[in-house]
Amino acid sequence: MGHLSTHVLDTMNGCPAAGMAVRLERVHADRVETVKTLQLNHDGRNDGGPLLNAQEMAVGRYRLVFAVAAYFRARGVVLPEPAFLDEVPIDFGIADAAGHYHVPLLASPWAYSTYRGS
C-alpha cells in the first residue's frame, strides 16, 4: 500500500525540526494545487501519519515546501533579510501510486539536502 511521508532534521542544532511549517502541493501542467499544510511534531514528522495515504496516492508531480527561515527565526536564530534560504521547495514525481515515497530534509539556515528515503 503506497503512501507519502516526510521528516525534517535541523542540522544546525542536531535535532528534529519541531514546529516547522510544511506545504504539500500537486503540480499540474497549468496550475499548482495545495493538498495539505501542516506543522511538524516533536520528532520532525507529521502528527497525522502519512501526507498521502494509500487511497490518496496518485501518479503525478508534487512539491513539498518547507518554511526553513521562519523555523530558524522562531528558534532565535538571527537571519539577514532576506534570508539566504527562506522556503525550500522539493519537486518530485510519484510514478508508482502503490509505492512508499519518503522525502526527508536535512536543513540549516545556509544549506539543505534531501534524498528518497525508505
N, C-alpha and C. Protein backbone atom coordinates (compact mmCIF):
# COMPACT_ATOMS: atom_id res chain seq x y z
N MET A 1 0.85 -1.18 0.00
CA MET A 1 0.00 0.00 0.00
C MET A 1 0.89 1.24 0.00
N GLY A 2 0.69 2.10 -0.96
CA GLY A 2 1.53 3.28 -1.09
C GLY A 2 1.21 4.36 -0.09
N HIS A 3 2.20 5.19 0.16
CA HIS A 3 2.00 6.40 0.95
C HIS A 3 3.19 7.34 0.79
N LEU A 4 2.98 8.60 1.17
CA LEU A 4 4.00 9.64 1.12
C LEU A 4 4.24 10.15 2.52
N SER A 5 5.51 10.26 2.90
CA SER A 5 5.85 10.79 4.22
C SER A 5 7.06 11.72 4.10
N THR A 6 7.30 12.49 5.16
CA THR A 6 8.46 13.36 5.23
C THR A 6 8.97 13.40 6.66
N HIS A 7 10.18 13.91 6.82
CA HIS A 7 10.83 14.02 8.12
C HIS A 7 11.88 15.11 7.95
N VAL A 8 11.99 16.04 8.89
CA VAL A 8 12.97 17.12 8.77
C VAL A 8 13.87 17.12 9.99
N LEU A 9 15.17 17.16 9.72
CA LEU A 9 16.17 17.27 10.78
C LEU A 9 16.86 18.62 10.68
N ASP A 10 16.98 19.30 11.80
CA ASP A 10 17.65 20.58 11.94
C ASP A 10 19.13 20.27 12.17
N THR A 11 19.95 20.46 11.14
CA THR A 11 21.37 20.11 11.26
C THR A 11 22.18 21.18 11.98
N MET A 12 21.62 22.37 12.17
CA MET A 12 22.32 23.41 12.94
C MET A 12 22.32 23.05 14.42
N ASN A 13 21.17 22.55 14.89
CA ASN A 13 21.01 22.25 16.31
C ASN A 13 21.05 20.76 16.64
N GLY A 14 21.13 19.93 15.60
CA GLY A 14 21.22 18.49 15.82
C GLY A 14 19.97 17.88 16.42
N CYS A 15 18.79 18.27 15.88
CA CYS A 15 17.53 17.77 16.43
C CYS A 15 16.47 17.76 15.34
N PRO A 16 15.33 17.11 15.60
CA PRO A 16 14.21 17.19 14.67
C PRO A 16 13.71 18.65 14.58
N ALA A 17 13.17 19.03 13.43
CA ALA A 17 12.70 20.40 13.21
C ALA A 17 11.25 20.54 13.69
N ALA A 18 11.05 20.41 14.98
CA ALA A 18 9.72 20.51 15.57
C ALA A 18 9.12 21.88 15.32
N GLY A 19 7.89 21.90 14.82
CA GLY A 19 7.19 23.15 14.59
C GLY A 19 7.36 23.73 13.20
N MET A 20 8.23 23.17 12.37
CA MET A 20 8.41 23.70 11.02
C MET A 20 7.12 23.53 10.22
N ALA A 21 6.74 24.58 9.50
CA ALA A 21 5.56 24.53 8.63
C ALA A 21 5.96 23.90 7.30
N VAL A 22 5.06 23.06 6.77
CA VAL A 22 5.29 22.36 5.51
C VAL A 22 4.00 22.43 4.69
N ARG A 23 4.17 22.60 3.38
CA ARG A 23 3.03 22.61 2.47
C ARG A 23 3.26 21.55 1.40
N LEU A 24 2.27 20.70 1.16
CA LEU A 24 2.32 19.71 0.08
C LEU A 24 1.48 20.24 -1.06
N GLU A 25 2.06 20.27 -2.26
CA GLU A 25 1.36 20.76 -3.44
C GLU A 25 1.36 19.70 -4.53
N ARG A 26 0.32 19.68 -5.33
CA ARG A 26 0.24 18.86 -6.54
C ARG A 26 0.49 19.80 -7.69
N VAL A 27 1.46 19.47 -8.54
CA VAL A 27 1.85 20.34 -9.65
C VAL A 27 1.21 19.80 -10.92
N HIS A 28 0.25 20.55 -11.45
CA HIS A 28 -0.41 20.21 -12.71
C HIS A 28 0.24 21.02 -13.83
N ALA A 29 -0.05 20.69 -15.05
CA ALA A 29 0.54 21.40 -16.20
C ALA A 29 0.19 22.89 -16.18
N ASP A 30 -1.02 23.23 -15.72
CA ASP A 30 -1.48 24.61 -15.79
C ASP A 30 -1.69 25.29 -14.45
N ARG A 31 -1.45 24.56 -13.35
CA ARG A 31 -1.68 25.16 -12.03
C ARG A 31 -1.00 24.34 -10.94
N VAL A 32 -0.91 24.95 -9.77
CA VAL A 32 -0.39 24.27 -8.57
C VAL A 32 -1.50 24.26 -7.54
N GLU A 33 -1.78 23.09 -7.01
CA GLU A 33 -2.87 22.90 -6.04
C GLU A 33 -2.28 22.56 -4.68
N THR A 34 -2.64 23.32 -3.64
CA THR A 34 -2.23 22.98 -2.28
C THR A 34 -3.07 21.81 -1.81
N VAL A 35 -2.40 20.72 -1.45
CA VAL A 35 -3.07 19.50 -1.00
C VAL A 35 -3.21 19.50 0.51
N LYS A 36 -2.15 19.95 1.20
CA LYS A 36 -2.15 19.87 2.66
C LYS A 36 -1.12 20.85 3.21
N THR A 37 -1.44 21.44 4.38
CA THR A 37 -0.48 22.23 5.13
C THR A 37 -0.40 21.63 6.53
N LEU A 38 0.78 21.68 7.11
CA LEU A 38 0.95 21.06 8.42
C LEU A 38 2.12 21.68 9.15
N GLN A 39 2.21 21.40 10.44
CA GLN A 39 3.37 21.73 11.26
C GLN A 39 3.93 20.43 11.79
N LEU A 40 5.24 20.30 11.72
CA LEU A 40 5.89 19.06 12.15
C LEU A 40 5.85 18.92 13.66
N ASN A 41 5.74 17.69 14.13
CA ASN A 41 5.67 17.40 15.56
C ASN A 41 7.06 17.38 16.20
N HIS A 42 7.14 16.98 17.45
CA HIS A 42 8.39 16.96 18.22
C HIS A 42 9.47 16.09 17.58
N ASP A 43 9.06 15.15 16.72
CA ASP A 43 10.01 14.26 16.04
C ASP A 43 10.31 14.72 14.62
N GLY A 44 9.84 15.91 14.23
CA GLY A 44 10.06 16.43 12.88
C GLY A 44 9.24 15.72 11.82
N ARG A 45 8.12 15.13 12.24
CA ARG A 45 7.24 14.38 11.32
C ARG A 45 5.82 14.91 11.41
N ASN A 46 4.97 14.45 10.50
CA ASN A 46 3.55 14.81 10.50
C ASN A 46 2.82 14.02 11.58
N ASP A 47 2.14 14.72 12.47
CA ASP A 47 1.36 14.05 13.53
C ASP A 47 0.28 13.13 12.99
N GLY A 48 -0.28 13.47 11.83
CA GLY A 48 -1.38 12.70 11.29
C GLY A 48 -0.97 11.49 10.47
N GLY A 49 0.29 11.09 10.53
CA GLY A 49 0.75 9.95 9.74
C GLY A 49 1.18 10.39 8.36
N PRO A 50 0.99 9.53 7.36
CA PRO A 50 1.44 9.87 6.00
C PRO A 50 0.80 11.16 5.48
N LEU A 51 1.53 11.86 4.64
CA LEU A 51 0.98 13.06 3.99
C LEU A 51 -0.08 12.67 2.97
N LEU A 52 0.15 11.54 2.31
CA LEU A 52 -0.84 10.93 1.43
C LEU A 52 -0.93 9.46 1.82
N ASN A 53 -2.14 8.98 2.06
CA ASN A 53 -2.30 7.56 2.39
C ASN A 53 -2.56 6.78 1.10
N ALA A 54 -2.76 5.49 1.23
CA ALA A 54 -2.91 4.62 0.05
C ALA A 54 -4.06 5.08 -0.85
N GLN A 55 -5.16 5.55 -0.27
CA GLN A 55 -6.30 5.98 -1.07
C GLN A 55 -6.05 7.32 -1.77
N GLU A 56 -5.17 8.15 -1.21
CA GLU A 56 -4.90 9.48 -1.77
C GLU A 56 -3.76 9.49 -2.78
N MET A 57 -2.94 8.45 -2.78
CA MET A 57 -1.78 8.40 -3.66
C MET A 57 -2.22 8.40 -5.13
N ALA A 58 -1.54 9.20 -5.93
CA ALA A 58 -1.81 9.24 -7.37
C ALA A 58 -0.51 9.56 -8.10
N VAL A 59 -0.34 8.96 -9.25
CA VAL A 59 0.82 9.25 -10.09
C VAL A 59 0.78 10.73 -10.46
N GLY A 60 1.93 11.40 -10.40
CA GLY A 60 1.99 12.80 -10.79
C GLY A 60 3.18 13.52 -10.20
N ARG A 61 3.20 14.83 -10.44
CA ARG A 61 4.25 15.71 -9.95
C ARG A 61 3.78 16.37 -8.66
N TYR A 62 4.68 16.45 -7.68
CA TYR A 62 4.36 17.03 -6.38
C TYR A 62 5.48 17.96 -5.94
N ARG A 63 5.18 18.77 -4.93
CA ARG A 63 6.17 19.68 -4.35
C ARG A 63 5.92 19.75 -2.85
N LEU A 64 6.98 19.59 -2.08
CA LEU A 64 6.94 19.88 -0.65
C LEU A 64 7.66 21.20 -0.45
N VAL A 65 7.06 22.11 0.29
CA VAL A 65 7.65 23.43 0.55
C VAL A 65 7.84 23.54 2.06
N PHE A 66 9.09 23.70 2.48
CA PHE A 66 9.47 23.75 3.89
C PHE A 66 9.81 25.19 4.28
N ALA A 67 9.19 25.71 5.33
CA ALA A 67 9.40 27.09 5.79
C ALA A 67 10.64 27.14 6.69
N VAL A 68 11.80 27.08 6.07
CA VAL A 68 13.07 26.98 6.78
C VAL A 68 13.41 28.26 7.55
N ALA A 69 13.34 29.43 6.91
CA ALA A 69 13.72 30.68 7.59
C ALA A 69 12.79 30.95 8.78
N ALA A 70 11.50 30.78 8.60
CA ALA A 70 10.56 31.02 9.71
C ALA A 70 10.86 30.09 10.88
N TYR A 71 11.19 28.84 10.59
CA TYR A 71 11.52 27.88 11.65
C TYR A 71 12.75 28.35 12.43
N PHE A 72 13.83 28.71 11.73
CA PHE A 72 15.05 29.12 12.44
C PHE A 72 14.87 30.44 13.17
N ARG A 73 14.12 31.37 12.59
CA ARG A 73 13.84 32.62 13.30
C ARG A 73 13.07 32.34 14.59
N ALA A 74 12.11 31.42 14.54
CA ALA A 74 11.33 31.06 15.73
C ALA A 74 12.22 30.44 16.81
N ARG A 75 13.34 29.84 16.39
CA ARG A 75 14.30 29.27 17.35
C ARG A 75 15.30 30.31 17.85
N GLY A 76 15.15 31.55 17.41
CA GLY A 76 16.01 32.63 17.89
C GLY A 76 17.24 32.88 17.05
N VAL A 77 17.34 32.25 15.90
CA VAL A 77 18.48 32.47 15.01
C VAL A 77 18.28 33.80 14.29
N VAL A 78 19.28 34.67 14.36
CA VAL A 78 19.21 35.96 13.67
C VAL A 78 19.64 35.72 12.22
N LEU A 79 18.72 35.97 11.32
CA LEU A 79 18.98 35.78 9.89
C LEU A 79 18.91 37.12 9.19
N PRO A 80 19.67 37.29 8.11
CA PRO A 80 19.57 38.53 7.36
C PRO A 80 18.21 38.61 6.65
N GLU A 81 17.88 39.80 6.18
CA GLU A 81 16.65 39.99 5.41
C GLU A 81 17.04 40.48 4.02
N PRO A 82 16.82 39.73 3.00
CA PRO A 82 16.15 38.44 3.03
C PRO A 82 17.10 37.33 3.49
N ALA A 83 16.50 36.27 4.02
CA ALA A 83 17.29 35.11 4.46
C ALA A 83 17.89 34.41 3.24
N PHE A 84 19.04 33.78 3.42
CA PHE A 84 19.65 33.02 2.34
C PHE A 84 18.71 31.93 1.85
N LEU A 85 18.16 31.15 2.77
CA LEU A 85 17.12 30.17 2.45
C LEU A 85 15.85 30.60 3.16
N ASP A 86 14.79 30.79 2.42
CA ASP A 86 13.50 31.14 3.01
C ASP A 86 12.63 29.90 3.02
N GLU A 87 11.94 29.66 1.93
CA GLU A 87 11.19 28.41 1.77
C GLU A 87 12.00 27.50 0.87
N VAL A 88 12.09 26.25 1.23
CA VAL A 88 12.82 25.26 0.43
C VAL A 88 11.80 24.37 -0.28
N PRO A 89 11.71 24.48 -1.62
CA PRO A 89 10.80 23.61 -2.36
C PRO A 89 11.54 22.37 -2.86
N ILE A 90 10.90 21.23 -2.73
CA ILE A 90 11.44 20.00 -3.29
C ILE A 90 10.40 19.44 -4.24
N ASP A 91 10.72 19.45 -5.53
CA ASP A 91 9.84 18.90 -6.55
C ASP A 91 10.20 17.44 -6.78
N PHE A 92 9.20 16.59 -6.84
CA PHE A 92 9.45 15.16 -7.04
C PHE A 92 8.26 14.55 -7.76
N GLY A 93 8.46 13.37 -8.31
CA GLY A 93 7.40 12.68 -9.00
C GLY A 93 7.04 11.38 -8.31
N ILE A 94 5.77 11.05 -8.34
CA ILE A 94 5.28 9.75 -7.89
C ILE A 94 4.92 8.97 -9.15
N ALA A 95 5.71 7.95 -9.45
CA ALA A 95 5.49 7.14 -10.64
C ALA A 95 4.71 5.87 -10.34
N ASP A 96 4.68 5.48 -9.07
CA ASP A 96 4.01 4.24 -8.66
C ASP A 96 3.13 4.56 -7.45
N ALA A 97 1.83 4.65 -7.68
CA ALA A 97 0.90 5.01 -6.60
C ALA A 97 0.85 3.96 -5.49
N ALA A 98 1.37 2.77 -5.74
CA ALA A 98 1.42 1.74 -4.71
C ALA A 98 2.75 1.75 -3.96
N GLY A 99 3.64 2.65 -4.33
CA GLY A 99 4.96 2.71 -3.72
C GLY A 99 5.00 3.55 -2.45
N HIS A 100 6.08 3.38 -1.70
CA HIS A 100 6.32 4.18 -0.50
C HIS A 100 7.32 5.26 -0.88
N TYR A 101 6.92 6.51 -0.75
CA TYR A 101 7.78 7.65 -1.05
C TYR A 101 8.02 8.41 0.25
N HIS A 102 9.28 8.45 0.68
CA HIS A 102 9.66 9.19 1.88
C HIS A 102 10.63 10.28 1.43
N VAL A 103 10.29 11.54 1.73
CA VAL A 103 11.09 12.69 1.28
C VAL A 103 11.60 13.42 2.51
N PRO A 104 12.77 13.03 3.02
CA PRO A 104 13.34 13.71 4.18
C PRO A 104 14.10 14.97 3.77
N LEU A 105 14.24 15.89 4.72
CA LEU A 105 15.01 17.11 4.50
C LEU A 105 15.96 17.28 5.68
N LEU A 106 17.21 17.56 5.38
CA LEU A 106 18.21 17.95 6.37
C LEU A 106 18.47 19.43 6.11
N ALA A 107 18.28 20.29 7.11
CA ALA A 107 18.31 21.73 6.84
C ALA A 107 19.04 22.52 7.92
N SER A 108 19.72 23.57 7.48
CA SER A 108 20.26 24.61 8.33
C SER A 108 19.85 25.93 7.67
N PRO A 109 20.19 27.08 8.25
CA PRO A 109 19.84 28.34 7.58
C PRO A 109 20.61 28.57 6.28
N TRP A 110 21.68 27.76 6.03
CA TRP A 110 22.54 28.01 4.88
C TRP A 110 22.66 26.85 3.91
N ALA A 111 22.08 25.71 4.23
CA ALA A 111 22.23 24.53 3.37
C ALA A 111 21.11 23.55 3.63
N TYR A 112 20.85 22.72 2.61
CA TYR A 112 19.88 21.63 2.79
C TYR A 112 20.23 20.49 1.85
N SER A 113 19.73 19.30 2.19
CA SER A 113 19.87 18.14 1.30
C SER A 113 18.65 17.27 1.49
N THR A 114 18.40 16.45 0.48
CA THR A 114 17.27 15.53 0.51
C THR A 114 17.64 14.29 -0.26
N TYR A 115 16.81 13.29 -0.18
CA TYR A 115 17.01 12.03 -0.89
C TYR A 115 15.69 11.27 -0.83
N ARG A 116 15.58 10.21 -1.59
CA ARG A 116 14.39 9.37 -1.45
C ARG A 116 14.70 8.34 -0.36
N GLY A 117 14.02 8.49 0.75
CA GLY A 117 14.25 7.62 1.90
C GLY A 117 13.42 6.35 1.83
N SER A 118 13.53 5.59 2.88
CA SER A 118 12.79 4.32 2.93
C SER A 118 11.76 4.34 4.04
